[in-house]
Amino acid sequence: MRATGSVWEGRARAVLERAGLRHVASNWHCRYGEIDLVMTDGDALVFVEVRYRDAAAHGNALASVGRAKRTKLVHAAESFLAAHPALAPKPCRFDVIAFDGACCDWQRGAFDAF
């Protein structure tokens, strides 16, 4: 499972870098969970959740980022900012890159912190 995640996170990072974003961190862990990718987009700090589904039997990849997951990501982002105070003043956003099969759907500003 981890190997599959790494493949899709690598593809997501490539998509983001081609669009001009710059890599800050990958697979950042804290007590709230993991942030797949942290990137910068101009002055903004972007927390990226990468999702993959090979079949839609359990819903599409984007829909799999529900309220509970969003809450964990917000808390993890707060923890990241506490651990990296130099980045804390930057405006932040949460993006989701969802792969359904080979189709890539990048949702900029997919959700806001509550």
C-alpha atoms as a PDB file:
ATOM      1  CA  MET A   1       0.000   0.000   0.000  1.00  0.00           C
ATOM      2  CA  ARG A   2       2.800   2.435   0.901  1.00  0.00           C
ATOM      3  CA  ALA A   3       4.568   1.727  -2.398  1.00  0.00           C
ATOM      4  CA  THR A   4       1.397   2.528  -4.336  1.00  0.00           C
ATOM      5  CA  GLY A   5       0.996   5.769  -2.381  1.00  0.00           C
ATOM      6  CA  SER A   6       4.567   6.772  -3.174  1.00  0.00           C
ATOM      7  CA  VAL A   7       3.976   6.298  -6.889  1.00  0.00           C
ATOM      8  CA  TRP A   8       0.903   8.548  -6.924  1.00  0.00           C
ATOM      9  CA  GLU A   9       2.513  11.130  -4.640  1.00  0.00           C
ATOM     10  CA  GLY A  10       5.441  11.250  -7.068  1.00  0.00           C
ATOM     11  CA  ARG A  11       3.072  11.790  -9.973  1.00  0.00           C
ATOM     12  CA  ALA A  12       1.244  14.496  -8.055  1.00  0.00           C
ATOM     13  CA  ARG A  13       4.510  16.241  -7.220  1.00  0.00           C
ATOM     14  CA  ALA A  14       5.493  16.171 -10.904  1.00  0.00           C
ATOM     15  CA  VAL A  15       2.142  17.742 -11.888  1.00  0.00           C
ATOM     16  CA  LEU A  16       2.586  20.470  -9.284  1.00  0.00           C
ATOM     17  CA  GLU A  17       6.197  21.196 -10.196  1.00  0.00           C
ATOM     18  CA  ARG A  18       5.304  21.436 -13.892  1.00  0.00           C
ATOM     19  CA  ALA A  19       2.735  24.053 -12.851  1.00  0.00           C
ATOM     20  CA  GLY A  20       5.457  26.052 -11.082  1.00  0.00           C
ATOM     21  CA  LEU A  21       4.986  24.993  -7.464  1.00  0.00           C
ATOM     22  CA  ARG A  22       8.091  24.299  -5.390  1.00  0.00           C
ATOM     23  CA  HIS A  23       8.569  21.338  -3.079  1.00  0.00           C
ATOM     24  CA  VAL A  24       8.968  21.962   0.669  1.00  0.00           C
ATOM     25  CA  ALA A  25       8.278  18.567   2.272  1.00  0.00           C
ATOM     26  CA  SER A  26       6.892  15.097   1.587  1.00  0.00           C
ATOM     27  CA  ASN A  27       5.139  12.677   3.925  1.00  0.00           C
ATOM     28  CA  TRP A  28       5.345  14.993   6.921  1.00  0.00           C
ATOM     29  CA  HIS A  29       4.132  13.128  10.015  1.00  0.00           C
ATOM     30  CA  CYS A  30       2.741  14.360  13.299  1.00  0.00           C
ATOM     31  CA  ARG A  31       0.312  13.064  15.909  1.00  0.00           C
ATOM     32  CA  TYR A  32      -2.643  14.124  13.735  1.00  0.00           C
ATOM     33  CA  GLY A  33      -1.530  12.158  10.703  1.00  0.00           C
ATOM     34  CA  GLU A  34       0.447  12.826   7.562  1.00  0.00           C
ATOM     35  CA  ILE A  35       0.598  15.598   5.025  1.00  0.00           C
ATOM     36  CA  ASP A  36       1.424  14.055   1.659  1.00  0.00           C
ATOM     37  CA  LEU A  37       3.069  17.123   0.112  1.00  0.00           C
ATOM     38  CA  VAL A  38       3.854  20.644   1.227  1.00  0.00           C
ATOM     39  CA  MET A  39       4.586  23.016  -1.634  1.00  0.00           C
ATOM     40  CA  THR A  40       4.852  26.729  -2.252  1.00  0.00           C
ATOM     41  CA  ASP A  41       2.852  28.480  -4.953  1.00  0.00           C
ATOM     42  CA  GLY A  42       4.236  31.981  -5.172  1.00  0.00           C
ATOM     43  CA  ASP A  43       3.879  33.345  -1.648  1.00  0.00           C
ATOM     44  CA  ALA A  44       1.333  30.708  -0.584  1.00  0.00           C
ATOM     45  CA  LEU A  45       2.090  27.543   1.333  1.00  0.00           C
ATOM     46  CA  VAL A  46       0.085  24.642  -0.068  1.00  0.00           C
ATOM     47  CA  PHE A  47      -0.804  21.495   1.871  1.00  0.00           C
ATOM     48  CA  VAL A  48      -1.594  18.753  -0.634  1.00  0.00           C
ATOM     49  CA  GLU A  49      -3.582  15.585  -0.080  1.00  0.00           C
ATOM     50  CA  VAL A  50      -3.016  12.953  -2.783  1.00  0.00           C
ATOM     51  CA  ARG A  51      -5.735  10.376  -3.392  1.00  0.00           C
ATOM     52  CA  TYR A  52      -5.945   7.432  -5.773  1.00  0.00           C
ATOM     53  CA  ARG A  53      -8.783   5.110  -6.700  1.00  0.00           C
ATOM     54  CA  ASP A  54      -8.497   2.508  -9.426  1.00  0.00           C
ATOM     55  CA  ALA A  55     -12.273   1.959  -9.475  1.00  0.00           C
ATOM     56  CA  ALA A  56     -15.252   4.067  -8.458  1.00  0.00           C
ATOM     57  CA  ALA A  57     -16.974   1.265  -6.520  1.00  0.00           C
ATOM     58  CA  HIS A  58     -16.340   3.139  -3.250  1.00  0.00           C
ATOM     59  CA  GLY A  59     -16.691   6.640  -4.707  1.00  0.00           C
ATOM     60  CA  ASN A  60     -14.214   8.735  -6.593  1.00  0.00           C
ATOM     61  CA  ALA A  61     -10.865   9.777  -5.161  1.00  0.00           C
ATOM     62  CA  LEU A  62     -11.832  13.401  -4.552  1.00  0.00           C
ATOM     63  CA  ALA A  63     -14.961  12.432  -2.634  1.00  0.00           C
ATOM     64  CA  SER A  64     -12.845  10.305  -0.297  1.00  0.00           C
ATOM     65  CA  VAL A  65     -11.541  13.455   1.427  1.00  0.00           C
ATOM     66  CA  GLY A  66     -14.441  13.840   3.828  1.00  0.00           C
ATOM     67  CA  ARG A  67     -14.920  16.056   6.855  1.00  0.00           C
ATOM     68  CA  ALA A  68     -12.938  13.822   9.230  1.00  0.00           C
ATOM     69  CA  LYS A  69      -9.948  13.743   6.857  1.00  0.00           C
ATOM     70  CA  ARG A  70     -10.132  17.497   6.301  1.00  0.00           C
ATOM     71  CA  THR A  71     -10.124  18.067  10.068  1.00  0.00           C
ATOM     72  CA  LYS A  72      -7.027  15.882  10.455  1.00  0.00           C
ATOM     73  CA  LEU A  73      -5.293  17.742   7.626  1.00  0.00           C
ATOM     74  CA  VAL A  74      -6.048  21.121   9.180  1.00  0.00           C
ATOM     75  CA  HIS A  75      -4.643  19.987  12.536  1.00  0.00           C
ATOM     76  CA  ALA A  76      -1.594  18.495  10.828  1.00  0.00           C
ATOM     77  CA  ALA A  77      -1.046  21.773   8.942  1.00  0.00           C
ATOM     78  CA  GLU A  78      -1.233  23.700  12.220  1.00  0.00           C
ATOM     79  CA  SER A  79       1.365  21.322  13.649  1.00  0.00           C
ATOM     80  CA  PHE A  80       3.567  21.790  10.568  1.00  0.00           C
ATOM     81  CA  LEU A  81       3.388  25.566  10.934  1.00  0.00           C
ATOM     82  CA  ALA A  82       4.247  25.328  14.637  1.00  0.00           C
ATOM     83  CA  ALA A  83       7.292  23.218  13.723  1.00  0.00           C
ATOM     84  CA  HIS A  84       8.301  25.641  10.927  1.00  0.00           C
ATOM     85  CA  PRO A  85       7.643  29.133  12.340  1.00  0.00           C
ATOM     86  CA  ALA A  86       9.417  30.869   9.441  1.00  0.00           C
ATOM     87  CA  LEU A  87       6.643  29.575   7.139  1.00  0.00           C
ATOM     88  CA  ALA A  88       3.766  30.442   9.502  1.00  0.00           C
ATOM     89  CA  PRO A  89       3.172  33.999   8.174  1.00  0.00           C
ATOM     90  CA  LYS A  90       2.529  32.721   4.639  1.00  0.00           C
ATOM     91  CA  PRO A  91      -1.038  32.466   3.387  1.00  0.00           C
ATOM     92  CA  CYS A  92      -2.047  28.793   3.286  1.00  0.00           C
ATOM     93  CA  ARG A  93      -4.369  26.676   1.215  1.00  0.00           C
ATOM     94  CA  PHE A  94      -5.398  23.046   1.000  1.00  0.00           C
ATOM     95  CA  ASP A  95      -5.300  21.320  -2.375  1.00  0.00           C
ATOM     96  CA  VAL A  96      -6.351  17.807  -3.317  1.00  0.00           C
ATOM     97  CA  ILE A  97      -4.923  15.924  -6.269  1.00  0.00           C
ATOM     98  CA  ALA A  98      -7.169  12.990  -7.042  1.00  0.00           C
ATOM     99  CA  PHE A  99      -6.286  10.225  -9.463  1.00  0.00           C
ATOM    100  CA  ASP A 100      -9.159   8.072 -10.687  1.00  0.00           C
ATOM    101  CA  GLY A 101      -7.383   5.509 -12.799  1.00  0.00           C
ATOM    102  CA  ALA A 102      -5.080   7.603 -14.979  1.00  0.00           C
ATOM    103  CA  CYS A 103      -7.262  10.743 -14.791  1.00  0.00           C
ATOM    104  CA  CYS A 104      -5.849  13.562 -12.648  1.00  0.00           C
ATOM    105  CA  ASP A 105      -8.116  16.127 -10.975  1.00  0.00           C
ATOM    106  CA  TRP A 106      -6.278  18.927  -9.136  1.00  0.00           C
ATOM    107  CA  GLN A 107      -8.552  20.913  -6.879  1.00  0.00           C
ATOM    108  CA  ARG A 108      -6.840  24.123  -5.787  1.00  0.00           C
ATOM    109  CA  GLY A 109      -8.298  25.423  -2.550  1.00  0.00           C
ATOM    110  CA  ALA A 110     -10.333  22.229  -2.186  1.00  0.00           C
ATOM    111  CA  PHE A 111     -11.397  23.207   1.332  1.00  0.00           C
ATOM    112  CA  ASP A 112     -10.761  25.848   3.966  1.00  0.00           C
ATOM    113  CA  ALA A 113      -9.575  25.503   7.537  1.00  0.00           C
ATOM    114  CA  PHE A 114     -12.583  25.476   9.849  1.00  0.00           C
END
